């Protein structure tokens, strides 16, 4: 009886050792030493967000957690009045109200989001508290604002004089079409020979990071489509559309016309493509191809949409529908920006 009990104990311990070993392998990047990442990486949509990457890198370089790094990085863009796409200084909806959306997702698959939130400077931090302090994933509008105030956030006027002026000028010729922003952007870009997503155009910050422990996280923040219908929400705060993280595989985030990204569950699609063996760039291209297939080539030419992704090995990639999408990366070798390949 004692021999049998000892045998069972040894068998159980052996099985646990195999399971623990599998979990360690699963949590460590392929090609790196067991339990140790090949090096931290942070990547974000749009080259001007290199300054947000730099703030995130301070946390990663000190062996900090990926999610902490992303929160710190996105704070930079949310508080920048010269960025009219995110947070303070963001262009308002057609009623003149600045509403912000944000979400986070960590290495454990936990996630939180806020949508159509007003008066709060750092929605990414509210989204994180939704994840950590409530049983829910998403809070919206007045409920999200009430929660933020209960958590100690203060009301801030996010509408800067410059953003208000842009809105009042828009009102003079507006047809109150919720998609007029996209048309307006394309006309202006053709006239000025500018590319979508440059510093003074309207878009989102999506950030992904791999920390020194080999763990992935992601975060998004935006003030949404300029002069949108009040209450409109795009892809940015929607888990699986604007952001998705699977710590066994990789992470992806999106930028552009949110309605199109939601329709293909863009970020989740990319992560699943990486699970199937595609590189981050190839996976992003597959998502872009789905937008073209759904819309047809001619209509797709008028849509701004791009993706960035990172896999468990720390490889990064991006792809966009049309020319003009660039992204920022920071690694142990330093920061750099890159123009994404495009489909049409």
Protein backbone atom coordinates (compact mmCIF):
# COMPACT_ATOMS: atom_id res chain seq x y z
CA UNK A 1 0.00 0.00 0.00
CA UNK A 2 2.83 2.38 0.91
CA UNK A 3 4.68 1.52 -2.29
CA UNK A 4 1.55 2.15 -4.35
CA UNK A 5 0.97 5.49 -2.58
CA UNK A 6 4.59 6.52 -3.23
CA UNK A 7 4.23 5.53 -6.88
CA UNK A 8 1.07 7.61 -7.22
CA UNK A 9 2.71 10.62 -5.57
CA UNK A 10 5.70 10.40 -7.87
CA UNK A 11 3.43 10.02 -10.90
CA UNK A 12 1.39 13.05 -9.86
CA UNK A 13 4.49 15.15 -9.28
CA UNK A 14 5.86 14.04 -12.63
CA UNK A 15 2.62 15.02 -14.37
CA UNK A 16 2.61 18.39 -12.64
CA UNK A 17 6.20 18.91 -13.75
CA UNK A 18 5.24 18.25 -17.37
CA UNK A 19 2.28 20.64 -17.11
CA UNK A 20 4.38 23.37 -15.49
CA UNK A 21 7.00 22.90 -18.16
CA UNK A 22 4.37 23.31 -20.88
CA UNK A 23 3.06 26.48 -19.26
CA UNK A 24 6.58 27.89 -19.05
CA UNK A 25 7.20 27.14 -22.69
CA UNK A 26 3.86 28.68 -23.59
CA UNK A 27 4.70 31.86 -21.69
CA UNK A 28 8.15 32.27 -23.23
CA UNK A 29 8.89 33.48 -26.77
CA UNK A 30 9.89 30.83 -29.26
CA UNK A 31 13.63 30.95 -29.86
CA UNK A 32 14.38 32.55 -26.48
CA UNK A 33 15.57 30.91 -23.30
CA UNK A 34 12.97 29.21 -21.15
CA UNK A 35 10.94 31.82 -19.27
CA UNK A 36 12.90 34.75 -20.71
CA UNK A 37 11.87 37.07 -23.53
CA UNK A 38 14.27 37.93 -26.33
CA UNK A 39 13.70 41.61 -25.46
CA UNK A 40 10.93 44.14 -24.88
CA UNK A 41 9.13 45.77 -27.82
CA UNK A 42 6.50 48.50 -28.07
CA UNK A 43 4.70 49.40 -31.29
CA UNK A 44 2.04 52.02 -32.00
CA UNK A 45 -0.07 53.29 -34.86
CA UNK A 46 1.29 56.39 -36.60
CA UNK A 47 4.83 57.76 -36.57
CA UNK A 48 4.02 60.84 -34.43
CA UNK A 49 3.29 58.46 -31.56
CA UNK A 50 7.01 57.73 -31.25
CA UNK A 51 6.93 60.08 -28.25
CA UNK A 52 4.28 57.87 -26.63
CA UNK A 53 6.47 54.85 -27.34
CA UNK A 54 9.39 56.58 -25.61
CA UNK A 55 7.32 56.98 -22.43
CA UNK A 56 6.24 53.34 -22.60
CA UNK A 57 9.82 52.25 -23.14
CA UNK A 58 10.86 53.75 -19.81
CA UNK A 59 8.65 51.18 -18.09
CA UNK A 60 9.72 48.29 -20.32
CA UNK A 61 13.42 49.11 -19.91
CA UNK A 62 12.99 48.88 -16.12
CA UNK A 63 11.53 45.35 -16.55
CA UNK A 64 8.02 46.69 -16.01
CA UNK A 65 4.79 45.09 -17.07
CA UNK A 66 3.58 45.62 -20.64
CA UNK A 67 0.19 46.99 -19.57
CA UNK A 68 1.80 49.57 -17.27
CA UNK A 69 4.02 50.69 -20.12
CA UNK A 70 1.10 51.09 -22.51
CA UNK A 71 -0.95 53.10 -20.04
CA UNK A 72 1.94 55.51 -19.48
CA UNK A 73 2.59 55.81 -23.21
CA UNK A 74 -1.00 56.50 -24.19
CA UNK A 75 -1.23 59.18 -21.49
CA UNK A 76 1.22 61.21 -23.58
CA UNK A 77 -1.06 61.27 -26.61
CA UNK A 78 -4.28 61.70 -24.63
CA UNK A 79 -2.88 64.87 -23.02
CA UNK A 80 -1.42 66.35 -26.23
CA UNK A 81 -3.60 69.29 -27.42
CA UNK A 82 -1.92 69.27 -30.84
CA UNK A 83 -3.21 65.76 -31.56
CA UNK A 84 -6.78 66.22 -32.75
CA UNK A 85 -7.52 62.50 -32.80
CA UNK A 86 -7.17 61.47 -29.16
CA UNK A 87 -8.31 62.93 -25.84
CA UNK A 88 -7.57 66.58 -25.05
CA UNK A 89 -7.72 68.56 -28.28
CA UNK A 90 -9.70 65.88 -30.08
CA UNK A 91 -12.18 67.00 -32.71
CA UNK A 92 -15.76 66.89 -31.38
CA UNK A 93 -18.88 65.19 -32.67
CA UNK A 94 -21.39 67.09 -34.81
CA UNK A 95 -22.96 68.57 -31.66
CA UNK A 96 -19.63 69.99 -30.49
CA UNK A 97 -19.01 67.39 -27.77
CA UNK A 98 -15.68 65.59 -27.40
CA UNK A 99 -16.40 61.96 -26.58
CA UNK A 100 -13.59 59.47 -26.06
CA UNK A 101 -13.31 55.70 -26.36
CA UNK A 102 -10.62 53.39 -25.01
CA UNK A 103 -9.86 49.78 -24.17
CA UNK A 104 -7.12 47.63 -22.67
CA UNK A 105 -6.35 43.91 -22.73
CA UNK A 106 -3.69 42.18 -20.64
CA UNK A 107 -1.64 39.00 -20.77
CA UNK A 108 -4.33 37.00 -18.96
CA UNK A 109 -7.07 37.87 -21.45
CA UNK A 110 -8.66 40.35 -19.04
CA UNK A 111 -10.10 43.42 -20.75
CA UNK A 112 -11.91 46.66 -20.06
CA UNK A 113 -13.37 49.45 -22.16
CA UNK A 114 -15.15 52.79 -22.02
CA UNK A 115 -17.22 54.26 -24.83
CA UNK A 116 -18.74 57.65 -25.53
CA UNK A 117 -17.13 59.03 -22.37
CA UNK A 118 -17.01 62.81 -21.83
CA UNK A 119 -14.87 65.14 -19.68
CA UNK A 120 -12.15 62.62 -18.77
CA UNK A 121 -8.54 63.28 -19.81
CA UNK A 122 -7.24 59.71 -19.60
CA UNK A 123 -9.91 57.24 -20.73
CA UNK A 124 -7.31 54.46 -21.04
CA UNK A 125 -6.91 54.51 -17.26
CA UNK A 126 -10.67 54.35 -16.76
CA UNK A 127 -10.81 51.37 -19.12
CA UNK A 128 -8.15 49.66 -17.04
CA UNK A 129 -10.14 50.23 -13.85
CA UNK A 130 -13.25 48.81 -15.51
CA UNK A 131 -11.17 45.68 -16.07
CA UNK A 132 -9.66 45.58 -12.59
CA UNK A 133 -12.43 46.83 -10.33
CA UNK A 134 -15.69 45.72 -11.93
CA UNK A 135 -17.09 42.39 -13.16
CA UNK A 136 -17.78 44.04 -16.54
CA UNK A 137 -15.88 44.64 -19.77
CA UNK A 138 -17.58 47.80 -21.10
CA UNK A 139 -19.08 50.94 -19.57
CA UNK A 140 -20.72 53.57 -21.74
CA UNK A 141 -21.68 57.25 -21.61
CA UNK A 142 -23.05 58.58 -18.34
CA UNK A 143 -22.40 55.29 -16.57
CA UNK A 144 -18.74 55.39 -17.61
CA UNK A 145 -18.46 59.01 -16.44
CA UNK A 146 -20.08 58.23 -13.10
CA UNK A 147 -17.66 55.34 -12.59
CA UNK A 148 -14.65 57.51 -13.50
CA UNK A 149 -15.66 60.21 -11.00
CA UNK A 150 -16.20 57.59 -8.31
CA UNK A 151 -12.66 56.35 -8.96
CA UNK A 152 -11.20 59.80 -8.35
CA UNK A 153 -10.97 61.24 -11.84
CA UNK A 154 -11.83 64.92 -12.32
CA UNK A 155 -13.82 66.55 -15.09
CA UNK A 156 -11.74 68.26 -17.76
CA UNK A 157 -12.85 70.37 -20.71
CA UNK A 158 -11.41 68.39 -23.62
CA UNK A 159 -12.54 70.88 -26.30
CA UNK A 160 -9.63 73.18 -27.11
CA UNK A 161 -10.14 76.52 -28.90
CA UNK A 162 -8.48 75.07 -32.00
CA UNK A 163 -10.79 72.04 -32.08
CA UNK A 164 -13.83 74.21 -31.49
CA UNK A 165 -12.80 76.49 -34.36
CA UNK A 166 -12.46 73.50 -36.68
CA UNK A 167 -15.92 72.31 -35.65
CA UNK A 168 -17.52 75.73 -36.22
CA UNK A 169 -15.90 75.97 -39.64
CA UNK A 170 -17.25 72.50 -40.45
CA UNK A 171 -20.75 73.60 -39.43
CA UNK A 172 -20.78 76.26 -42.16
CA UNK A 173 -20.83 73.69 -44.95
CA UNK A 174 -21.92 70.56 -43.10
CA UNK A 175 -24.61 68.25 -44.46
CA UNK A 176 -24.66 66.45 -41.08
CA UNK A 177 -23.58 63.24 -42.76
CA UNK A 178 -21.80 61.06 -40.16
CA UNK A 179 -19.38 59.88 -42.86
CA UNK A 180 -18.60 63.39 -44.13
CA UNK A 181 -15.32 63.28 -42.22
CA UNK A 182 -13.99 60.54 -44.46
CA UNK A 183 -15.08 62.32 -47.64
CA UNK A 184 -13.66 65.58 -46.35
CA UNK A 185 -10.36 63.89 -45.53
CA UNK A 186 -10.01 62.32 -48.97
CA UNK A 187 -10.80 65.60 -50.76
CA UNK A 188 -8.31 67.51 -48.63
CA UNK A 189 -5.60 64.92 -49.11
CA UNK A 190 -6.00 64.99 -52.89
CA UNK A 191 -5.95 68.78 -52.92
CA UNK A 192 -2.96 69.13 -50.60
CA UNK A 193 -1.22 65.94 -51.76
CA UNK A 194 -1.21 64.67 -48.18
CA UNK A 195 -1.55 61.12 -47.00
CA UNK A 196 -4.20 59.95 -44.52
CA UNK A 197 -3.03 59.67 -40.96
CA UNK A 198 -0.32 62.31 -40.98
CA UNK A 199 0.14 64.39 -37.87
CA UNK A 200 -2.67 66.84 -38.53
CA UNK A 201 -5.19 64.30 -39.76
CA UNK A 202 -7.67 62.51 -37.52
CA UNK A 203 -7.03 59.07 -36.17
CA UNK A 204 -6.39 56.67 -33.25
CA UNK A 205 -3.50 55.51 -31.08
CA UNK A 206 -3.28 51.76 -30.75
CA UNK A 207 -0.31 50.36 -28.81
CA UNK A 208 1.03 46.85 -28.28
CA UNK A 209 3.91 45.73 -26.08
CA UNK A 210 5.93 42.66 -25.25
CA UNK A 211 7.71 42.96 -21.90
CA UNK A 212 10.90 41.33 -20.60
CA UNK A 213 8.87 38.51 -19.04
CA UNK A 214 7.55 37.56 -22.47
CA UNK A 215 4.04 38.84 -21.79
CA UNK A 216 1.87 40.79 -24.24
CA UNK A 217 -0.70 43.53 -23.64
CA UNK A 218 -2.52 46.08 -25.77
CA UNK A 219 -4.39 49.37 -25.46
CA UNK A 220 -6.30 51.81 -27.66
CA UNK A 221 -7.53 55.38 -27.24
CA UNK A 222 -9.39 57.77 -29.53
CA UNK A 223 -11.84 60.64 -29.70
CA UNK A 224 -13.39 58.91 -32.67
CA UNK A 225 -14.39 60.12 -36.09
CA UNK A 226 -14.44 63.91 -36.28
CA UNK A 227 -17.95 65.46 -36.40
CA UNK A 228 -19.54 62.02 -36.00
CA UNK A 229 -23.15 61.54 -34.91
CA UNK A 230 -23.45 61.92 -31.16
CA UNK A 231 -23.22 58.46 -29.62
CA UNK A 232 -21.28 56.89 -32.49
CA UNK A 233 -18.64 54.36 -31.46
CA UNK A 234 -16.06 52.90 -33.81
CA UNK A 235 -13.76 49.91 -33.48
CA UNK A 236 -11.21 51.31 -31.02
CA UNK A 237 -12.87 50.29 -27.72
CA UNK A 238 -14.28 47.02 -29.04
CA UNK A 239 -12.31 43.94 -28.02
CA UNK A 240 -11.74 41.79 -31.10
CA UNK A 241 -12.19 44.68 -33.51
CA UNK A 242 -9.84 47.51 -32.56
CA UNK A 243 -7.73 45.40 -30.21
CA UNK A 244 -7.07 41.77 -29.38
CA UNK A 245 -4.36 40.02 -27.34
CA UNK A 246 -3.64 36.31 -26.98
CA UNK A 247 -0.55 35.80 -24.87
CA UNK A 248 0.16 32.44 -26.48
CA UNK A 249 0.18 33.88 -30.00
CA UNK A 250 0.36 37.65 -30.42
CA UNK A 251 -1.58 40.91 -30.43
CA UNK A 252 -3.04 43.30 -32.97
CA UNK A 253 -4.66 46.71 -33.11
CA UNK A 254 -6.29 48.83 -35.78
CA UNK A 255 -6.73 52.35 -37.09
CA UNK A 256 -8.97 53.99 -39.66
CA UNK A 257 -12.68 53.79 -40.43
CA UNK A 258 -13.93 51.84 -37.45
CA UNK A 259 -17.12 50.59 -39.08
CA UNK A 260 -15.10 48.60 -41.63
CA UNK A 261 -12.79 47.18 -38.97
CA UNK A 262 -15.73 46.08 -36.81
CA UNK A 263 -17.32 44.29 -39.77
CA UNK A 264 -14.36 41.93 -40.13
CA UNK A 265 -13.43 41.67 -36.41
CA UNK A 266 -10.07 42.95 -37.62
CA UNK A 267 -7.71 42.48 -34.68
CA UNK A 268 -9.07 39.07 -33.72
CA UNK A 269 -8.78 37.98 -37.34
CA UNK A 270 -5.11 38.96 -37.36
CA UNK A 271 -4.30 37.09 -34.16
CA UNK A 272 -5.99 33.97 -35.52
CA UNK A 273 -3.99 34.30 -38.74
CA UNK A 274 -0.79 34.42 -36.66
CA UNK A 275 -1.99 31.34 -34.77
CA UNK A 276 -2.25 29.61 -38.13
CA UNK A 277 1.41 30.39 -38.83
CA UNK A 278 1.37 33.72 -40.66
CA UNK A 279 3.87 36.44 -39.79
CA UNK A 280 2.48 39.69 -38.28
CA UNK A 281 2.74 41.46 -41.63
CA UNK A 282 1.09 38.61 -43.54
CA UNK A 283 -1.70 38.44 -40.96
CA UNK A 284 -2.36 42.18 -41.26
CA UNK A 285 -2.49 41.86 -45.02
CA UNK A 286 -5.09 39.08 -44.74
CA UNK A 287 -7.34 41.40 -42.72
CA UNK A 288 -6.94 44.19 -45.27
CA UNK A 289 -7.84 41.77 -48.05
CA UNK A 290 -11.09 40.95 -46.25
CA UNK A 291 -12.08 44.64 -46.28
CA UNK A 292 -11.48 44.77 -50.03
CA UNK A 293 -13.42 41.56 -50.61
CA UNK A 294 -16.38 42.87 -48.61
CA UNK A 295 -16.49 46.30 -50.25
CA UNK A 296 -15.14 45.75 -53.72
CA UNK A 297 -12.03 47.41 -55.13
CA UNK A 298 -13.52 50.78 -56.09
CA UNK A 299 -15.22 51.43 -52.76
CA UNK A 300 -12.21 50.14 -50.84
CA UNK A 301 -10.06 52.85 -52.45
CA UNK A 302 -11.99 55.43 -50.42
CA UNK A 303 -11.51 53.68 -47.08
CA UNK A 304 -8.70 54.39 -44.65
CA UNK A 305 -7.80 51.30 -42.62
CA UNK A 306 -4.56 49.90 -41.27
CA UNK A 307 -3.33 47.31 -38.78
CA UNK A 308 -0.24 46.63 -36.70
CA UNK A 309 0.63 43.36 -34.99
CA UNK A 310 3.26 41.67 -32.86
CA UNK A 311 3.79 37.98 -32.27
CA UNK A 312 5.13 36.08 -29.29
CA UNK A 313 8.64 36.15 -30.73
CA UNK A 314 8.63 39.96 -30.73
CA UNK A 315 8.33 40.23 -34.52
CA UNK A 316 6.23 43.18 -35.66
CA UNK A 317 4.37 43.96 -38.85
CA UNK A 318 1.77 46.20 -40.41
CA UNK A 319 -0.39 46.58 -43.50
CA UNK A 320 -2.85 49.18 -44.76
CA UNK A 321 -5.53 49.45 -47.36
CA UNK A 322 -4.16 52.56 -49.07
CA UNK A 323 -0.82 54.36 -49.01
CA UNK A 324 0.08 56.71 -46.15
CA UNK A 325 -0.07 54.56 -43.02
CA UNK A 326 3.05 54.64 -40.88
CA UNK A 327 3.83 53.24 -37.45
CA UNK A 328 6.36 53.61 -34.65
CA UNK A 329 8.46 50.91 -32.96
CA UNK A 330 10.82 50.97 -29.98
CA UNK A 331 13.14 48.07 -29.15
CA UNK A 332 16.41 47.60 -27.28
CA UNK A 333 18.15 48.79 -30.45
CA UNK A 334 16.29 52.09 -30.26
CA UNK A 335 13.24 53.76 -31.82
CA UNK A 336 12.30 53.81 -35.49
CA UNK A 337 9.32 54.56 -37.70
CA UNK A 338 8.26 52.74 -40.82
CA UNK A 339 5.80 53.12 -43.66
CA UNK A 340 3.44 50.16 -43.89
CA UNK A 341 2.99 48.24 -47.09
CA UNK A 342 -0.39 48.84 -48.71
CA UNK A 343 -2.76 46.85 -50.85
CA UNK A 344 -4.29 49.34 -53.33
